[in-house]
Amino acid sequence: MFGLFKKKEQKKEVTFNYSSIAVDMHSHVLPGIDDGAQNPQESVELIKKMMALGIKKVIATPHIMADYYKNNAETIGNALKLLKEELKKENIDIPVEAAAEHYFDETFEERINNQTLMTIGGNYVLFELSFISKPPNLKEMIQKMLDLKYRPILAHPERYSYMDIKQLRSLREMGCLLQINTISLLGYYGREAKKTAESLIDSDLVDFISSDMHHLRHAEALENALATSYVEKLVNHGYPLKNIMLK
């Protein structure tokens, strides 16, 4: 009964956006080649949402996975061309580049050895792990990438429940950079992922943040995440993120 008289909770007024990081370097906005945007129109809608939140450059990173998304430089290049044509038709002016999010599967070591990894900004390699268990040769593959002058970036480490801060710090000390999904800080992937993301920030272990944008629900969450204190700390208080270096 008394709940009827409770004041409606005020939504926090946000006076900043993602313009200080400038570059979203992990997204699935290329049309029709993975579980992200399914056609050029969806791609454009996602990019328009990102631009409205201050993003000045988009680096698309479609999945490369042996069992599901058998992408390569050709399929990704064709999808990028299609997207750019649609953006031009819509008179939308924003730089869009493409690399990949490489899955740590049975083909990953071969791609490293053959130096066929698709890179961001020349030599950054974005890769992801299984959500079930840690690969036993993870450090070995990271070291192999480093020896070949790649700069590995582990995607969304906060989502690997089998890894703690100590383990993630060890990877970073090796030279593996860490990228968290911004919407993890909203609790989008659950309480534990949120807690780990916050601990990574508190420990100064975060190198990149990004949307990992797949669909409009992610776009809405990316906007809502601006109201969290940790996103404010990242984008409005001089946290040393490296996104801007990719501009």
C-alpha atoms as a PDB file:
ATOM      1  CA  MET A   1       0.000   0.000   0.000  1.00  0.00           C
ATOM      2  CA  PHE A   2       2.678   2.445   1.029  1.00  0.00           C
ATOM      3  CA  GLY A   3       4.458   1.675  -2.260  1.00  0.00           C
ATOM      4  CA  LEU A   4       1.796   3.751  -3.980  1.00  0.00           C
ATOM      5  CA  PHE A   5       3.262   6.861  -2.411  1.00  0.00           C
ATOM      6  CA  LYS A   6       6.904   6.189  -3.272  1.00  0.00           C
ATOM      7  CA  LYS A   7       8.487   8.807  -5.486  1.00  0.00           C
ATOM      8  CA  LYS A   8       9.202   7.650  -8.990  1.00  0.00           C
ATOM      9  CA  GLU A   9      12.927   7.027  -9.338  1.00  0.00           C
ATOM     10  CA  GLN A  10      14.596   9.777 -11.316  1.00  0.00           C
ATOM     11  CA  LYS A  11      16.638   8.715 -14.313  1.00  0.00           C
ATOM     12  CA  LYS A  12      20.178  10.056 -14.050  1.00  0.00           C
ATOM     13  CA  GLU A  13      20.803  12.958 -16.399  1.00  0.00           C
ATOM     14  CA  VAL A  14      23.802  12.201 -18.616  1.00  0.00           C
ATOM     15  CA  THR A  15      25.743  15.123 -20.084  1.00  0.00           C
ATOM     16  CA  PHE A  16      28.479  13.182 -21.904  1.00  0.00           C
ATOM     17  CA  ASN A  17      28.748  10.448 -24.518  1.00  0.00           C
ATOM     18  CA  TYR A  18      31.391   8.214 -26.134  1.00  0.00           C
ATOM     19  CA  SER A  19      33.054  10.964 -28.148  1.00  0.00           C
ATOM     20  CA  SER A  20      36.194  10.870 -25.993  1.00  0.00           C
ATOM     21  CA  ILE A  21      36.939   7.283 -27.004  1.00  0.00           C
ATOM     22  CA  ALA A  22      35.973   8.095 -30.619  1.00  0.00           C
ATOM     23  CA  VAL A  23      36.485   4.585 -32.020  1.00  0.00           C
ATOM     24  CA  ASP A  24      34.294   1.542 -31.528  1.00  0.00           C
ATOM     25  CA  MET A  25      36.684  -1.291 -32.370  1.00  0.00           C
ATOM     26  CA  HIS A  26      34.526  -4.378 -31.761  1.00  0.00           C
ATOM     27  CA  SER A  27      31.175  -4.713 -33.479  1.00  0.00           C
ATOM     28  CA  HIS A  28      29.168  -6.981 -35.732  1.00  0.00           C
ATOM     29  CA  VAL A  29      27.660  -4.405 -38.060  1.00  0.00           C
ATOM     30  CA  LEU A  30      28.703  -5.901 -41.393  1.00  0.00           C
ATOM     31  CA  PRO A  31      25.602  -7.214 -43.147  1.00  0.00           C
ATOM     32  CA  GLY A  32      24.728 -10.877 -43.434  1.00  0.00           C
ATOM     33  CA  ILE A  33      27.941 -12.670 -42.472  1.00  0.00           C
ATOM     34  CA  ASP A  34      27.521 -13.562 -38.796  1.00  0.00           C
ATOM     35  CA  ASP A  35      25.067 -13.174 -35.903  1.00  0.00           C
ATOM     36  CA  GLY A  36      25.063  -9.391 -36.148  1.00  0.00           C
ATOM     37  CA  ALA A  37      23.297  -7.186 -38.704  1.00  0.00           C
ATOM     38  CA  GLN A  38      21.494  -9.319 -41.278  1.00  0.00           C
ATOM     39  CA  ASN A  39      21.221  -6.782 -44.105  1.00  0.00           C
ATOM     40  CA  PRO A  40      22.632  -3.363 -45.072  1.00  0.00           C
ATOM     41  CA  GLN A  41      19.614  -1.530 -43.666  1.00  0.00           C
ATOM     42  CA  GLU A  42      20.141  -3.078 -40.223  1.00  0.00           C
ATOM     43  CA  SER A  43      23.840  -2.217 -40.462  1.00  0.00           C
ATOM     44  CA  VAL A  44      23.039   1.426 -41.144  1.00  0.00           C
ATOM     45  CA  GLU A  45      20.579   1.614 -38.260  1.00  0.00           C
ATOM     46  CA  LEU A  46      23.210   0.305 -35.832  1.00  0.00           C
ATOM     47  CA  ILE A  47      25.827   2.726 -37.099  1.00  0.00           C
ATOM     48  CA  LYS A  48      23.410   5.650 -36.831  1.00  0.00           C
ATOM     49  CA  LYS A  49      22.799   4.709 -33.186  1.00  0.00           C
ATOM     50  CA  MET A  50      26.547   4.588 -32.547  1.00  0.00           C
ATOM     51  CA  MET A  51      27.076   7.973 -34.194  1.00  0.00           C
ATOM     52  CA  ALA A  52      24.297   9.489 -32.072  1.00  0.00           C
ATOM     53  CA  LEU A  53      26.248   8.358 -28.984  1.00  0.00           C
ATOM     54  CA  GLY A  54      29.436  10.108 -30.099  1.00  0.00           C
ATOM     55  CA  ILE A  55      31.258   7.351 -31.997  1.00  0.00           C
ATOM     56  CA  LYS A  56      33.354   8.856 -34.813  1.00  0.00           C
ATOM     57  CA  LYS A  57      34.774   5.687 -36.378  1.00  0.00           C
ATOM     58  CA  VAL A  58      33.578   2.078 -36.526  1.00  0.00           C
ATOM     59  CA  ILE A  59      35.786  -0.985 -36.871  1.00  0.00           C
ATOM     60  CA  ALA A  60      33.638  -3.997 -37.680  1.00  0.00           C
ATOM     61  CA  THR A  61      34.899  -7.336 -36.377  1.00  0.00           C
ATOM     62  CA  PRO A  62      32.770 -10.212 -37.689  1.00  0.00           C
ATOM     63  CA  HIS A  63      33.310 -13.659 -36.258  1.00  0.00           C
ATOM     64  CA  ILE A  64      35.770 -16.071 -37.803  1.00  0.00           C
ATOM     65  CA  MET A  65      34.794 -19.485 -36.439  1.00  0.00           C
ATOM     66  CA  ALA A  66      35.577 -22.820 -38.060  1.00  0.00           C
ATOM     67  CA  ASP A  67      32.223 -24.429 -37.244  1.00  0.00           C
ATOM     68  CA  TYR A  68      29.808 -21.519 -37.697  1.00  0.00           C
ATOM     69  CA  TYR A  69      31.112 -18.418 -39.455  1.00  0.00           C
ATOM     70  CA  LYS A  70      33.723 -19.394 -42.005  1.00  0.00           C
ATOM     71  CA  ASN A  71      34.644 -15.828 -42.864  1.00  0.00           C
ATOM     72  CA  ASN A  72      37.847 -14.715 -44.508  1.00  0.00           C
ATOM     73  CA  ALA A  73      39.324 -11.564 -46.029  1.00  0.00           C
ATOM     74  CA  GLU A  74      37.129 -11.967 -49.124  1.00  0.00           C
ATOM     75  CA  THR A  75      33.760 -12.407 -47.392  1.00  0.00           C
ATOM     76  CA  ILE A  76      34.533  -9.630 -44.928  1.00  0.00           C
ATOM     77  CA  GLY A  77      35.795  -7.312 -47.661  1.00  0.00           C
ATOM     78  CA  ASN A  78      32.654  -7.892 -49.740  1.00  0.00           C
ATOM     79  CA  ALA A  79      30.393  -7.158 -46.770  1.00  0.00           C
ATOM     80  CA  LEU A  80      32.350  -3.991 -45.978  1.00  0.00           C
ATOM     81  CA  LYS A  81      31.972  -2.815 -49.564  1.00  0.00           C
ATOM     82  CA  LEU A  82      28.224  -3.448 -49.417  1.00  0.00           C
ATOM     83  CA  LEU A  83      27.923  -1.485 -46.181  1.00  0.00           C
ATOM     84  CA  LYS A  84      29.934   1.445 -47.492  1.00  0.00           C
ATOM     85  CA  GLU A  85      27.710   1.616 -50.576  1.00  0.00           C
ATOM     86  CA  GLU A  86      24.631   1.729 -48.352  1.00  0.00           C
ATOM     87  CA  LEU A  87      26.130   4.453 -46.150  1.00  0.00           C
ATOM     88  CA  LYS A  88      26.974   6.514 -49.230  1.00  0.00           C
ATOM     89  CA  LYS A  89      23.437   6.073 -50.545  1.00  0.00           C
ATOM     90  CA  GLU A  90      22.114   7.310 -47.190  1.00  0.00           C
ATOM     91  CA  ASN A  91      24.572  10.255 -47.151  1.00  0.00           C
ATOM     92  CA  ILE A  92      26.107   9.031 -43.893  1.00  0.00           C
ATOM     93  CA  ASP A  93      29.722  10.059 -43.517  1.00  0.00           C
ATOM     94  CA  ILE A  94      31.706   7.996 -41.019  1.00  0.00           C
ATOM     95  CA  PRO A  95      34.898   5.971 -41.473  1.00  0.00           C
ATOM     96  CA  VAL A  96      34.192   2.244 -41.331  1.00  0.00           C
ATOM     97  CA  GLU A  97      36.929  -0.382 -41.391  1.00  0.00           C
ATOM     98  CA  ALA A  98      36.869  -4.136 -40.938  1.00  0.00           C
ATOM     99  CA  ALA A  99      38.999  -6.755 -39.204  1.00  0.00           C
ATOM    100  CA  ALA A 100      37.708  -9.832 -37.372  1.00  0.00           C
ATOM    101  CA  GLU A 101      36.988 -11.393 -34.010  1.00  0.00           C
ATOM    102  CA  HIS A 102      38.938 -14.644 -34.204  1.00  0.00           C
ATOM    103  CA  TYR A 103      37.612 -17.575 -32.224  1.00  0.00           C
ATOM    104  CA  PHE A 104      40.237 -19.621 -30.379  1.00  0.00           C
ATOM    105  CA  ASP A 105      39.381 -22.891 -32.128  1.00  0.00           C
ATOM    106  CA  GLU A 106      41.328 -25.619 -33.906  1.00  0.00           C
ATOM    107  CA  THR A 107      42.115 -23.272 -36.819  1.00  0.00           C
ATOM    108  CA  PHE A 108      43.448 -20.390 -34.740  1.00  0.00           C
ATOM    109  CA  GLU A 109      47.034 -21.607 -34.414  1.00  0.00           C
ATOM    110  CA  GLU A 110      47.196 -22.246 -38.158  1.00  0.00           C
ATOM    111  CA  ARG A 111      46.052 -18.681 -38.829  1.00  0.00           C
ATOM    112  CA  ILE A 112      48.764 -17.400 -36.510  1.00  0.00           C
ATOM    113  CA  ASN A 113      51.452 -19.543 -38.122  1.00  0.00           C
ATOM    114  CA  ASN A 114      50.353 -18.552 -41.630  1.00  0.00           C
ATOM    115  CA  GLN A 115      50.027 -14.912 -40.544  1.00  0.00           C
ATOM    116  CA  THR A 116      46.572 -14.694 -42.077  1.00  0.00           C
ATOM    117  CA  LEU A 117      44.944 -13.053 -39.056  1.00  0.00           C
ATOM    118  CA  MET A 118      42.814 -10.026 -39.904  1.00  0.00           C
ATOM    119  CA  THR A 119      44.166  -7.134 -37.906  1.00  0.00           C
ATOM    120  CA  ILE A 120      43.003  -3.811 -36.516  1.00  0.00           C
ATOM    121  CA  GLY A 121      45.224  -0.806 -37.084  1.00  0.00           C
ATOM    122  CA  GLY A 122      47.960  -2.852 -38.709  1.00  0.00           C
ATOM    123  CA  ASN A 123      48.843  -5.388 -36.044  1.00  0.00           C
ATOM    124  CA  TYR A 124      46.169  -5.638 -33.312  1.00  0.00           C
ATOM    125  CA  VAL A 125      44.452  -9.050 -33.258  1.00  0.00           C
ATOM    126  CA  LEU A 126      41.059  -9.329 -31.575  1.00  0.00           C
ATOM    127  CA  PHE A 127      40.314 -12.854 -30.373  1.00  0.00           C
ATOM    128  CA  GLU A 128      37.787 -14.555 -28.138  1.00  0.00           C
ATOM    129  CA  LEU A 129      37.709 -17.749 -26.083  1.00  0.00           C
ATOM    130  CA  SER A 130      35.130 -20.393 -25.359  1.00  0.00           C
ATOM    131  CA  PHE A 131      32.692 -19.419 -22.600  1.00  0.00           C
ATOM    132  CA  ILE A 132      32.969 -22.953 -21.210  1.00  0.00           C
ATOM    133  CA  SER A 133      36.649 -23.569 -20.474  1.00  0.00           C
ATOM    134  CA  LYS A 134      40.085 -22.012 -20.897  1.00  0.00           C
ATOM    135  CA  PRO A 135      42.259 -23.386 -23.715  1.00  0.00           C
ATOM    136  CA  PRO A 136      45.264 -25.185 -22.201  1.00  0.00           C
ATOM    137  CA  ASN A 137      47.613 -23.517 -24.708  1.00  0.00           C
ATOM    138  CA  LEU A 138      46.310 -19.962 -24.281  1.00  0.00           C
ATOM    139  CA  LYS A 139      49.577 -18.448 -23.078  1.00  0.00           C
ATOM    140  CA  GLU A 140      51.520 -20.332 -25.724  1.00  0.00           C
ATOM    141  CA  MET A 141      49.356 -18.848 -28.505  1.00  0.00           C
ATOM    142  CA  ILE A 142      49.578 -15.357 -27.022  1.00  0.00           C
ATOM    143  CA  GLN A 143      53.349 -15.633 -26.931  1.00  0.00           C
ATOM    144  CA  LYS A 144      53.385 -16.886 -30.515  1.00  0.00           C
ATOM    145  CA  MET A 145      51.394 -13.841 -31.625  1.00  0.00           C
ATOM    146  CA  LEU A 146      53.727 -11.532 -29.745  1.00  0.00           C
ATOM    147  CA  ASP A 147      56.775 -13.187 -31.321  1.00  0.00           C
ATOM    148  CA  LEU A 148      55.256 -12.484 -34.745  1.00  0.00           C
ATOM    149  CA  LYS A 149      54.807  -8.801 -33.795  1.00  0.00           C
ATOM    150  CA  TYR A 150      51.043  -9.043 -33.435  1.00  0.00           C
ATOM    151  CA  ARG A 151      49.401  -7.201 -30.542  1.00  0.00           C
ATOM    152  CA  PRO A 152      46.728  -9.556 -29.192  1.00  0.00           C
ATOM    153  CA  ILE A 153      43.522  -8.165 -27.688  1.00  0.00           C
ATOM    154  CA  LEU A 154      41.353 -10.532 -25.644  1.00  0.00           C
ATOM    155  CA  ALA A 155      37.694  -9.720 -26.259  1.00  0.00           C
ATOM    156  CA  HIS A 156      35.312  -9.374 -23.303  1.00  0.00           C
ATOM    157  CA  PRO A 157      37.455 -11.099 -20.623  1.00  0.00           C
ATOM    158  CA  GLU A 158      34.805 -10.274 -18.035  1.00  0.00           C
ATOM    159  CA  ARG A 159      32.545 -12.909 -19.622  1.00  0.00           C
ATOM    160  CA  TYR A 160      34.898 -15.868 -19.065  1.00  0.00           C
ATOM    161  CA  SER A 161      33.695 -17.074 -15.680  1.00  0.00           C
ATOM    162  CA  TYR A 162      36.630 -19.493 -15.330  1.00  0.00           C
ATOM    163  CA  MET A 163      39.178 -16.657 -15.250  1.00  0.00           C
ATOM    164  CA  ASP A 164      39.781 -14.356 -12.290  1.00  0.00           C
ATOM    165  CA  ILE A 165      41.540 -11.009 -12.014  1.00  0.00           C
ATOM    166  CA  LYS A 166      44.845 -12.632 -11.129  1.00  0.00           C
ATOM    167  CA  GLN A 167      44.786 -14.758 -14.282  1.00  0.00           C
ATOM    168  CA  LEU A 168      43.763 -11.828 -16.467  1.00  0.00           C
ATOM    169  CA  ARG A 169      46.494  -9.654 -14.984  1.00  0.00           C
ATOM    170  CA  SER A 170      48.994 -12.382 -15.836  1.00  0.00           C
ATOM    171  CA  LEU A 171      47.869 -12.357 -19.486  1.00  0.00           C
ATOM    172  CA  ARG A 172      48.143  -8.601 -19.638  1.00  0.00           C
ATOM    173  CA  GLU A 173      51.608  -8.653 -18.114  1.00  0.00           C
ATOM    174  CA  MET A 174      52.597 -10.955 -20.974  1.00  0.00           C
ATOM    175  CA  GLY A 175      51.465  -8.285 -23.434  1.00  0.00           C
ATOM    176  CA  CYS A 176      47.884  -9.343 -24.148  1.00  0.00           C
ATOM    177  CA  LEU A 177      45.595  -6.307 -24.093  1.00  0.00           C
ATOM    178  CA  LEU A 178      42.084  -6.497 -22.627  1.00  0.00           C
ATOM    179  CA  GLN A 179      38.835  -5.169 -24.135  1.00  0.00           C
ATOM    180  CA  ILE A 180      35.643  -5.126 -22.112  1.00  0.00           C
ATOM    181  CA  ASN A 181      32.145  -4.766 -23.498  1.00  0.00           C
ATOM    182  CA  THR A 182      30.748  -1.452 -22.343  1.00  0.00           C
ATOM    183  CA  ILE A 183      27.318  -2.924 -21.685  1.00  0.00           C
ATOM    184  CA  SER A 184      28.788  -5.445 -19.248  1.00  0.00           C
ATOM    185  CA  LEU A 185      28.904  -2.504 -16.826  1.00  0.00           C
ATOM    186  CA  LEU A 186      25.133  -2.238 -17.108  1.00  0.00           C
ATOM    187  CA  GLY A 187      24.759  -5.872 -16.064  1.00  0.00           C
ATOM    188  CA  TYR A 188      23.692  -6.934 -19.560  1.00  0.00           C
ATOM    189  CA  TYR A 189      25.561 -10.264 -19.295  1.00  0.00           C
ATOM    190  CA  GLY A 190      24.757 -10.849 -15.647  1.00  0.00           C
ATOM    191  CA  ARG A 191      26.017  -9.909 -12.202  1.00  0.00           C
ATOM    192  CA  GLU A 192      29.326 -11.787 -12.320  1.00  0.00           C
ATOM    193  CA  ALA A 193      30.402 -10.302 -15.656  1.00  0.00           C
ATOM    194  CA  LYS A 194      29.521  -6.837 -14.326  1.00  0.00           C
ATOM    195  CA  LYS A 195      31.525  -7.416 -11.158  1.00  0.00           C
ATOM    196  CA  THR A 196      34.570  -8.666 -13.085  1.00  0.00           C
ATOM    197  CA  ALA A 197      34.417  -5.735 -15.505  1.00  0.00           C
ATOM    198  CA  GLU A 198      34.327  -3.310 -12.591  1.00  0.00           C
ATOM    199  CA  SER A 199      37.269  -5.077 -10.906  1.00  0.00           C
ATOM    200  CA  LEU A 200      39.280  -4.873 -14.134  1.00  0.00           C
ATOM    201  CA  ILE A 201      38.674  -1.128 -14.263  1.00  0.00           C
ATOM    202  CA  ASP A 202      39.532  -0.673 -10.581  1.00  0.00           C
ATOM    203  CA  SER A 203      42.756  -2.612 -11.195  1.00  0.00           C
ATOM    204  CA  ASP A 204      43.682  -0.424 -14.226  1.00  0.00           C
ATOM    205  CA  LEU A 205      43.700  -3.468 -16.510  1.00  0.00           C
ATOM    206  CA  VAL A 206      41.329  -2.264 -19.247  1.00  0.00           C
ATOM    207  CA  ASP A 207      42.855  -1.187 -22.566  1.00  0.00           C
ATOM    208  CA  PHE A 208      39.790  -0.888 -24.790  1.00  0.00           C
ATOM    209  CA  ILE A 209      36.037  -0.657 -24.375  1.00  0.00           C
ATOM    210  CA  SER A 210      33.604  -1.314 -27.170  1.00  0.00           C
ATOM    211  CA  SER A 211      29.994  -2.049 -27.946  1.00  0.00           C
ATOM    212  CA  ASP A 212      30.226  -5.593 -29.378  1.00  0.00           C
ATOM    213  CA  MET A 213      27.154  -4.339 -31.215  1.00  0.00           C
ATOM    214  CA  HIS A 214      24.961  -7.019 -32.796  1.00  0.00           C
ATOM    215  CA  HIS A 215      21.443  -5.562 -32.774  1.00  0.00           C
ATOM    216  CA  LEU A 216      19.280  -2.697 -31.550  1.00  0.00           C
ATOM    217  CA  ARG A 217      19.006  -4.122 -28.008  1.00  0.00           C
ATOM    218  CA  HIS A 218      22.758  -3.660 -27.725  1.00  0.00           C
ATOM    219  CA  ALA A 219      22.390  -0.101 -29.003  1.00  0.00           C
ATOM    220  CA  GLU A 220      19.815   0.669 -26.323  1.00  0.00           C
ATOM    221  CA  ALA A 221      22.019  -0.878 -23.641  1.00  0.00           C
ATOM    222  CA  LEU A 222      25.028   1.109 -24.877  1.00  0.00           C
ATOM    223  CA  GLU A 223      23.077   4.321 -24.352  1.00  0.00           C
ATOM    224  CA  ASN A 224      21.789   3.252 -20.936  1.00  0.00           C
ATOM    225  CA  ALA A 225      25.305   2.301 -19.824  1.00  0.00           C
ATOM    226  CA  LEU A 226      26.263   5.976 -19.922  1.00  0.00           C
ATOM    227  CA  ALA A 227      24.307   6.393 -16.678  1.00  0.00           C
ATOM    228  CA  THR A 228      26.633   4.012 -14.792  1.00  0.00           C
ATOM    229  CA  SER A 229      29.451   5.369 -12.656  1.00  0.00           C
ATOM    230  CA  TYR A 230      32.022   3.030 -14.216  1.00  0.00           C
ATOM    231  CA  VAL A 231      31.286   4.104 -17.780  1.00  0.00           C
ATOM    232  CA  GLU A 232      31.497   7.702 -16.630  1.00  0.00           C
ATOM    233  CA  LYS A 233      34.895   6.915 -15.101  1.00  0.00           C
ATOM    234  CA  LEU A 234      36.078   5.377 -18.373  1.00  0.00           C
ATOM    235  CA  VAL A 235      34.921   8.030 -20.814  1.00  0.00           C
ATOM    236  CA  ASN A 236      34.678  11.211 -18.747  1.00  0.00           C
ATOM    237  CA  HIS A 237      37.577  11.114 -16.283  1.00  0.00           C
ATOM    238  CA  GLY A 238      40.736  10.474 -18.276  1.00  0.00           C
ATOM    239  CA  TYR A 239      41.027   6.696 -17.902  1.00  0.00           C
ATOM    240  CA  PRO A 240      43.907   5.683 -20.228  1.00  0.00           C
ATOM    241  CA  LEU A 241      41.924   3.787 -22.862  1.00  0.00           C
ATOM    242  CA  LYS A 242      43.607   3.056 -26.194  1.00  0.00           C
ATOM    243  CA  ASN A 243      40.553   3.359 -28.465  1.00  0.00           C
ATOM    244  CA  ILE A 244      41.556   6.841 -29.571  1.00  0.00           C
ATOM    245  CA  MET A 245      44.836   5.462 -30.926  1.00  0.00           C
ATOM    246  CA  LEU A 246      42.870   3.665 -33.652  1.00  0.00           C
ATOM    247  CA  LYS A 247      41.373   6.868 -35.012  1.00  0.00           C
END
